[in-house]
Amino acid sequence: MYTPIKCFQPYHSPLDPCPPKGPICYSTPPQLYVGFQQPGLRQFSLSEALCKGTLWPCFYDPYPVVKGEH
């Protein structure tokens, strides 16, 4: 199943003197989940495609909003 954000909890040894880290998350691009580009895909308008960086909505992946940034 496609989810844009993946997270995992790194292993923390009981003998490790450092405090355990929280979950680590990363973003996966949508093109990883498209086997091939089918003909006739829906397209953005040209002006919208320039703003979003892609012509096809299925490949659009906005940057996640980080709290505290404007």
PDB file of N, CA and C in Angstrom:
ATOM      1  N   MET A   1       0.842  -1.177   0.000  1.00  0.00           N
ATOM      2  CA  MET A   1       0.000   0.000   0.000  1.00  0.00           C
ATOM      3  C   MET A   1       0.890   1.243   0.000  1.00  0.00           C
ATOM      4  N   TYR A   2       0.507   2.239  -0.794  1.00  0.00           N
ATOM      5  CA  TYR A   2       1.295   3.464  -0.895  1.00  0.00           C
ATOM      6  C   TYR A   2       1.022   4.370   0.288  1.00  0.00           C
ATOM      7  N   THR A   3       2.058   4.708   0.999  1.00  0.00           N
ATOM      8  CA  THR A   3       2.003   5.744   2.024  1.00  0.00           C
ATOM      9  C   THR A   3       3.226   6.623   1.819  1.00  0.00           C
ATOM     10  N   PRO A   4       3.051   7.932   1.767  1.00  0.00           N
ATOM     11  CA  PRO A   4       4.189   8.810   1.471  1.00  0.00           C
ATOM     12  C   PRO A   4       5.219   8.897   2.591  1.00  0.00           C
ATOM     13  N   ILE A   5       4.827   8.612   3.816  1.00  0.00           N
ATOM     14  CA  ILE A   5       5.745   8.707   4.950  1.00  0.00           C
ATOM     15  C   ILE A   5       5.919   7.322   5.562  1.00  0.00           C
ATOM     16  N   LYS A   6       7.160   6.897   5.723  1.00  0.00           N
ATOM     17  CA  LYS A   6       7.482   5.621   6.371  1.00  0.00           C
ATOM     18  C   LYS A   6       8.232   5.940   7.670  1.00  0.00           C
ATOM     19  N   CYS A   7       7.979   5.168   8.700  1.00  0.00           N
ATOM     20  CA  CYS A   7       8.645   5.359   9.992  1.00  0.00           C
ATOM     21  C   CYS A   7       9.116   4.020  10.537  1.00  0.00           C
ATOM     22  N   PHE A   8      10.193   4.054  11.298  1.00  0.00           N
ATOM     23  CA  PHE A   8      10.679   2.859  11.977  1.00  0.00           C
ATOM     24  C   PHE A   8      11.348   3.255  13.285  1.00  0.00           C
ATOM     25  N   GLN A   9      11.389   2.315  14.201  1.00  0.00           N
ATOM     26  CA  GLN A   9      12.040   2.520  15.493  1.00  0.00           C
ATOM     27  C   GLN A   9      13.394   1.816  15.465  1.00  0.00           C
ATOM     28  N   PRO A  10      14.508   2.557  15.535  1.00  0.00           N
ATOM     29  CA  PRO A  10      15.814   1.895  15.520  1.00  0.00           C
ATOM     30  C   PRO A  10      16.043   1.065  16.788  1.00  0.00           C
ATOM     31  N   TYR A  11      16.813   0.012  16.617  1.00  0.00           N
ATOM     32  CA  TYR A  11      17.128  -0.863  17.748  1.00  0.00           C
ATOM     33  C   TYR A  11      17.997  -0.116  18.752  1.00  0.00           C
ATOM     34  N   HIS A  12      17.705  -0.315  20.023  1.00  0.00           N
ATOM     35  CA  HIS A  12      18.504   0.273  21.086  1.00  0.00           C
ATOM     36  C   HIS A  12      18.943  -0.849  22.026  1.00  0.00           C
ATOM     37  N   SER A  13      20.225  -1.071  22.092  1.00  0.00           N
ATOM     38  CA  SER A  13      20.769  -2.140  22.936  1.00  0.00           C
ATOM     39  C   SER A  13      20.640  -1.774  24.417  1.00  0.00           C
ATOM     40  N   PRO A  14      20.383  -2.750  25.262  1.00  0.00           N
ATOM     41  CA  PRO A  14      20.349  -2.462  26.695  1.00  0.00           C
ATOM     42  C   PRO A  14      21.709  -2.011  27.228  1.00  0.00           C
ATOM     43  N   LEU A  15      22.784  -2.328  26.509  1.00  0.00           N
ATOM     44  CA  LEU A  15      24.122  -1.939  26.952  1.00  0.00           C
ATOM     45  C   LEU A  15      24.579  -0.599  26.367  1.00  0.00           C
ATOM     46  N   ASP A  16      23.753   0.014  25.533  1.00  0.00           N
ATOM     47  CA  ASP A  16      24.114   1.280  24.900  1.00  0.00           C
ATOM     48  C   ASP A  16      23.979   2.412  25.916  1.00  0.00           C
ATOM     49  N   PRO A  17      25.056   3.192  26.156  1.00  0.00           N
ATOM     50  CA  PRO A  17      24.978   4.269  27.149  1.00  0.00           C
ATOM     51  C   PRO A  17      24.203   5.492  26.650  1.00  0.00           C
ATOM     52  N   CYS A  18      24.008   5.617  25.352  1.00  0.00           N
ATOM     53  CA  CYS A  18      23.283   6.763  24.802  1.00  0.00           C
ATOM     54  C   CYS A  18      21.778   6.573  24.975  1.00  0.00           C
ATOM     55  N   PRO A  19      21.039   7.663  25.098  1.00  0.00           N
ATOM     56  CA  PRO A  19      19.577   7.523  25.220  1.00  0.00           C
ATOM     57  C   PRO A  19      18.985   7.007  23.903  1.00  0.00           C
ATOM     58  N   PRO A  20      17.879   6.282  23.986  1.00  0.00           N
ATOM     59  CA  PRO A  20      17.276   5.759  22.760  1.00  0.00           C
ATOM     60  C   PRO A  20      16.723   6.883  21.882  1.00  0.00           C
ATOM     61  N   LYS A  21      16.801   6.686  20.575  1.00  0.00           N
ATOM     62  CA  LYS A  21      16.245   7.654  19.637  1.00  0.00           C
ATOM     63  C   LYS A  21      14.776   7.344  19.427  1.00  0.00           C
ATOM     64  N   GLY A  22      14.041   8.374  19.075  1.00  0.00           N
ATOM     65  CA  GLY A  22      12.627   8.196  18.763  1.00  0.00           C
ATOM     66  C   GLY A  22      12.476   7.590  17.379  1.00  0.00           C
ATOM     67  N   PRO A  23      11.258   7.494  16.917  1.00  0.00           N
ATOM     68  CA  PRO A  23      11.058   6.933  15.582  1.00  0.00           C
ATOM     69  C   PRO A  23      11.693   7.824  14.511  1.00  0.00           C
ATOM     70  N   ILE A  24      12.233   7.200  13.478  1.00  0.00           N
ATOM     71  CA  ILE A  24      12.830   7.911  12.356  1.00  0.00           C
ATOM     72  C   ILE A  24      11.866   7.792  11.178  1.00  0.00           C
ATOM     73  N   CYS A  25      11.527   8.920  10.580  1.00  0.00           N
ATOM     74  CA  CYS A  25      10.576   8.946   9.468  1.00  0.00           C
ATOM     75  C   CYS A  25      11.246   9.518   8.223  1.00  0.00           C
ATOM     76  N   TYR A  26      10.807   9.034   7.074  1.00  0.00           N
ATOM     77  CA  TYR A  26      11.320   9.521   5.799  1.00  0.00           C
ATOM     78  C   TYR A  26      10.209   9.458   4.763  1.00  0.00           C
ATOM     79  N   SER A  27      10.373  10.226   3.709  1.00  0.00           N
ATOM     80  CA  SER A  27       9.375  10.310   2.651  1.00  0.00           C
ATOM     81  C   SER A  27       9.767   9.413   1.476  1.00  0.00           C
ATOM     82  N   THR A  28       8.786   8.743   0.884  1.00  0.00           N
ATOM     83  CA  THR A  28       9.037   7.934  -0.311  1.00  0.00           C
ATOM     84  C   THR A  28       8.304   8.574  -1.491  1.00  0.00           C
ATOM     85  N   PRO A  29       8.968   8.728  -2.626  1.00  0.00           N
ATOM     86  CA  PRO A  29       8.327   9.363  -3.778  1.00  0.00           C
ATOM     87  C   PRO A  29       7.301   8.434  -4.438  1.00  0.00           C
ATOM     88  N   PRO A  30       6.232   9.007  -5.024  1.00  0.00           N
ATOM     89  CA  PRO A  30       5.178   8.188  -5.605  1.00  0.00           C
ATOM     90  C   PRO A  30       5.622   7.363  -6.815  1.00  0.00           C
ATOM     91  N   GLN A  31       6.670   7.778  -7.534  1.00  0.00           N
ATOM     92  CA  GLN A  31       7.094   7.011  -8.715  1.00  0.00           C
ATOM     93  C   GLN A  31       7.620   5.623  -8.355  1.00  0.00           C
ATOM     94  N   LEU A  32       7.927   5.386  -7.075  1.00  0.00           N
ATOM     95  CA  LEU A  32       8.347   4.051  -6.662  1.00  0.00           C
ATOM     96  C   LEU A  32       7.216   3.038  -6.764  1.00  0.00           C
ATOM     97  N   TYR A  33       5.981   3.524  -6.741  1.00  0.00           N
ATOM     98  CA  TYR A  33       4.824   2.644  -6.704  1.00  0.00           C
ATOM     99  C   TYR A  33       4.095   2.555  -8.045  1.00  0.00           C
ATOM    100  N   VAL A  34       4.621   3.216  -9.079  1.00  0.00           N
ATOM    101  CA  VAL A  34       4.015   3.152 -10.408  1.00  0.00           C
ATOM    102  C   VAL A  34       4.927   2.291 -11.279  1.00  0.00           C
ATOM    103  N   GLY A  35       4.438   1.134 -11.695  1.00  0.00           N
ATOM    104  CA  GLY A  35       5.260   0.218 -12.492  1.00  0.00           C
ATOM    105  C   GLY A  35       5.631   0.797 -13.848  1.00  0.00           C
ATOM    106  N   PHE A  36       4.662   1.389 -14.519  1.00  0.00           N
ATOM    107  CA  PHE A  36       4.901   2.037 -15.802  1.00  0.00           C
ATOM    108  C   PHE A  36       3.862   3.136 -15.967  1.00  0.00           C
ATOM    109  N   GLN A  37       4.179   4.096 -16.815  1.00  0.00           N
ATOM    110  CA  GLN A  37       3.275   5.225 -17.008  1.00  0.00           C
ATOM    111  C   GLN A  37       2.248   4.864 -18.075  1.00  0.00           C
ATOM    112  N   GLN A  38       1.015   4.758 -17.682  1.00  0.00           N
ATOM    113  CA  GLN A  38      -0.052   4.379 -18.589  1.00  0.00           C
ATOM    114  C   GLN A  38      -0.407   5.527 -19.512  1.00  0.00           C
ATOM    115  N   PRO A  39      -0.828   5.248 -20.736  1.00  0.00           N
ATOM    116  CA  PRO A  39      -1.262   6.320 -21.629  1.00  0.00           C
ATOM    117  C   PRO A  39      -2.592   6.904 -21.151  1.00  0.00           C
ATOM    118  N   GLY A  40      -2.773   8.179 -21.401  1.00  0.00           N
ATOM    119  CA  GLY A  40      -4.039   8.834 -21.082  1.00  0.00           C
ATOM    120  C   GLY A  40      -4.215   9.226 -19.627  1.00  0.00           C
ATOM    121  N   LEU A  41      -3.115   9.375 -18.886  1.00  0.00           N
ATOM    122  CA  LEU A  41      -3.233   9.806 -17.497  1.00  0.00           C
ATOM    123  C   LEU A  41      -3.749  11.238 -17.432  1.00  0.00           C
ATOM    124  N   ARG A  42      -4.492  11.536 -16.373  1.00  0.00           N
ATOM    125  CA  ARG A  42      -4.967  12.900 -16.152  1.00  0.00           C
ATOM    126  C   ARG A  42      -3.759  13.833 -16.013  1.00  0.00           C
ATOM    127  N   GLN A  43      -3.906  15.077 -16.505  1.00  0.00           N
ATOM    128  CA  GLN A  43      -2.798  16.037 -16.471  1.00  0.00           C
ATOM    129  C   GLN A  43      -3.247  17.329 -15.804  1.00  0.00           C
ATOM    130  N   PHE A  44      -2.274  17.994 -15.144  1.00  0.00           N
ATOM    131  CA  PHE A  44      -2.509  19.341 -14.640  1.00  0.00           C
ATOM    132  C   PHE A  44      -2.545  20.298 -15.821  1.00  0.00           C
ATOM    133  N   SER A  45      -3.126  21.480 -15.616  1.00  0.00           N
ATOM    134  CA  SER A  45      -2.995  22.535 -16.620  1.00  0.00           C
ATOM    135  C   SER A  45      -1.523  22.949 -16.654  1.00  0.00           C
ATOM    136  N   LEU A  46      -1.104  23.591 -17.727  1.00  0.00           N
ATOM    137  CA  LEU A  46       0.318  23.936 -17.856  1.00  0.00           C
ATOM    138  C   LEU A  46       0.793  24.852 -16.743  1.00  0.00           C
ATOM    139  N   SER A  47      -0.014  25.853 -16.372  1.00  0.00           N
ATOM    140  CA  SER A  47       0.419  26.767 -15.311  1.00  0.00           C
ATOM    141  C   SER A  47       0.484  26.042 -13.961  1.00  0.00           C
ATOM    142  N   GLU A  48      -0.481  25.151 -13.707  1.00  0.00           N
ATOM    143  CA  GLU A  48      -0.460  24.391 -12.455  1.00  0.00           C
ATOM    144  C   GLU A  48       0.704  23.406 -12.439  1.00  0.00           C
ATOM    145  N   ALA A  49       1.020  22.801 -13.598  1.00  0.00           N
ATOM    146  CA  ALA A  49       2.139  21.859 -13.688  1.00  0.00           C
ATOM    147  C   ALA A  49       3.464  22.561 -13.398  1.00  0.00           C
ATOM    148  N   LEU A  50       3.621  23.785 -13.852  1.00  0.00           N
ATOM    149  CA  LEU A  50       4.849  24.535 -13.563  1.00  0.00           C
ATOM    150  C   LEU A  50       4.978  24.813 -12.062  1.00  0.00           C
ATOM    151  N   CYS A  51       3.860  25.088 -11.408  1.00  0.00           N
ATOM    152  CA  CYS A  51       3.899  25.342  -9.962  1.00  0.00           C
ATOM    153  C   CYS A  51       4.177  24.070  -9.167  1.00  0.00           C
ATOM    154  N   LYS A  52       3.633  22.940  -9.620  1.00  0.00           N
ATOM    155  CA  LYS A  52       3.767  21.694  -8.870  1.00  0.00           C
ATOM    156  C   LYS A  52       4.999  20.891  -9.260  1.00  0.00           C
ATOM    157  N   GLY A  53       5.590  21.166 -10.412  1.00  0.00           N
ATOM    158  CA  GLY A  53       6.817  20.481 -10.810  1.00  0.00           C
ATOM    159  C   GLY A  53       6.595  19.182 -11.555  1.00  0.00           C
ATOM    160  N   THR A  54       5.360  18.867 -11.913  1.00  0.00           N
ATOM    161  CA  THR A  54       5.065  17.661 -12.684  1.00  0.00           C
ATOM    162  C   THR A  54       3.779  17.882 -13.472  1.00  0.00           C
ATOM    163  N   LEU A  55       3.668  17.193 -14.580  1.00  0.00           N
ATOM    164  CA  LEU A  55       2.474  17.309 -15.408  1.00  0.00           C
ATOM    165  C   LEU A  55       1.357  16.388 -14.926  1.00  0.00           C
ATOM    166  N   TRP A  56       1.718  15.292 -14.278  1.00  0.00           N
ATOM    167  CA  TRP A  56       0.739  14.282 -13.880  1.00  0.00           C
ATOM    168  C   TRP A  56       0.491  14.307 -12.379  1.00  0.00           C
ATOM    169  N   PRO A  57      -0.778  14.393 -11.963  1.00  0.00           N
ATOM    170  CA  PRO A  57      -1.103  14.417 -10.527  1.00  0.00           C
ATOM    171  C   PRO A  57      -0.639  13.173  -9.765  1.00  0.00           C
ATOM    172  N   CYS A  58      -0.590  12.011 -10.429  1.00  0.00           N
ATOM    173  CA  CYS A  58      -0.176  10.808  -9.696  1.00  0.00           C
ATOM    174  C   CYS A  58       1.296  10.867  -9.292  1.00  0.00           C
ATOM    175  N   PHE A  59       2.091  11.746  -9.914  1.00  0.00           N
ATOM    176  CA  PHE A  59       3.496  11.883  -9.555  1.00  0.00           C
ATOM    177  C   PHE A  59       3.750  13.086  -8.648  1.00  0.00           C
ATOM    178  N   TYR A  60       2.709  13.833  -8.298  1.00  0.00           N
ATOM    179  CA  TYR A  60       2.883  15.012  -7.449  1.00  0.00           C
ATOM    180  C   TYR A  60       3.084  14.582  -6.007  1.00  0.00           C
ATOM    181  N   ASP A  61       4.116  15.089  -5.369  1.00  0.00           N
ATOM    182  CA  ASP A  61       4.435  14.767  -3.985  1.00  0.00           C
ATOM    183  C   ASP A  61       4.888  16.048  -3.297  1.00  0.00           C
ATOM    184  N   PRO A  62       3.974  16.735  -2.583  1.00  0.00           N
ATOM    185  CA  PRO A  62       4.376  17.976  -1.917  1.00  0.00           C
ATOM    186  C   PRO A  62       5.308  17.680  -0.744  1.00  0.00           C
ATOM    187  N   TYR A  63       6.137  18.657  -0.428  1.00  0.00           N
ATOM    188  CA  TYR A  63       6.985  18.521   0.750  1.00  0.00           C
ATOM    189  C   TYR A  63       6.116  18.544   1.989  1.00  0.00           C
ATOM    190  N   PRO A  64       6.438  17.734   2.992  1.00  0.00           N
ATOM    191  CA  PRO A  64       5.629  17.771   4.218  1.00  0.00           C
ATOM    192  C   PRO A  64       5.827  19.093   4.950  1.00  0.00           C
ATOM    193  N   VAL A  65       4.767  19.568   5.552  1.00  0.00           N
ATOM    194  CA  VAL A  65       4.836  20.825   6.313  1.00  0.00           C
ATOM    195  C   VAL A  65       5.441  20.525   7.679  1.00  0.00           C
ATOM    196  N   VAL A  66       6.527  21.237   7.997  1.00  0.00           N
ATOM    197  CA  VAL A  66       7.195  21.050   9.286  1.00  0.00           C
ATOM    198  C   VAL A  66       6.633  22.087  10.245  1.00  0.00           C
ATOM    199  N   LYS A  67       6.224  21.640  11.434  1.00  0.00           N
ATOM    200  CA  LYS A  67       5.660  22.578  12.408  1.00  0.00           C
ATOM    201  C   LYS A  67       6.710  23.599  12.791  1.00  0.00           C
ATOM    202  N   GLY A  68       6.282  24.848  12.886  1.00  0.00           N
ATOM    203  CA  GLY A  68       7.188  25.918  13.261  1.00  0.00           C
ATOM    204  C   GLY A  68       7.727  26.680  12.049  1.00  0.00           C
ATOM    205  N   GLU A  69       7.485  26.172  10.840  1.00  0.00           N
ATOM    206  CA  GLU A  69       7.924  26.877   9.630  1.00  0.00           C
ATOM    207  C   GLU A  69       6.711  27.560   9.023  1.00  0.00           C
ATOM    208  N   HIS A  70       6.965  28.667   8.344  1.00  0.00           N
ATOM    209  CA  HIS A  70       5.869  29.397   7.690  1.00  0.00           C
ATOM    210  C   HIS A  70       6.035  29.310   6.210  1.00  0.00           C
TER     211      HIS A  70
END
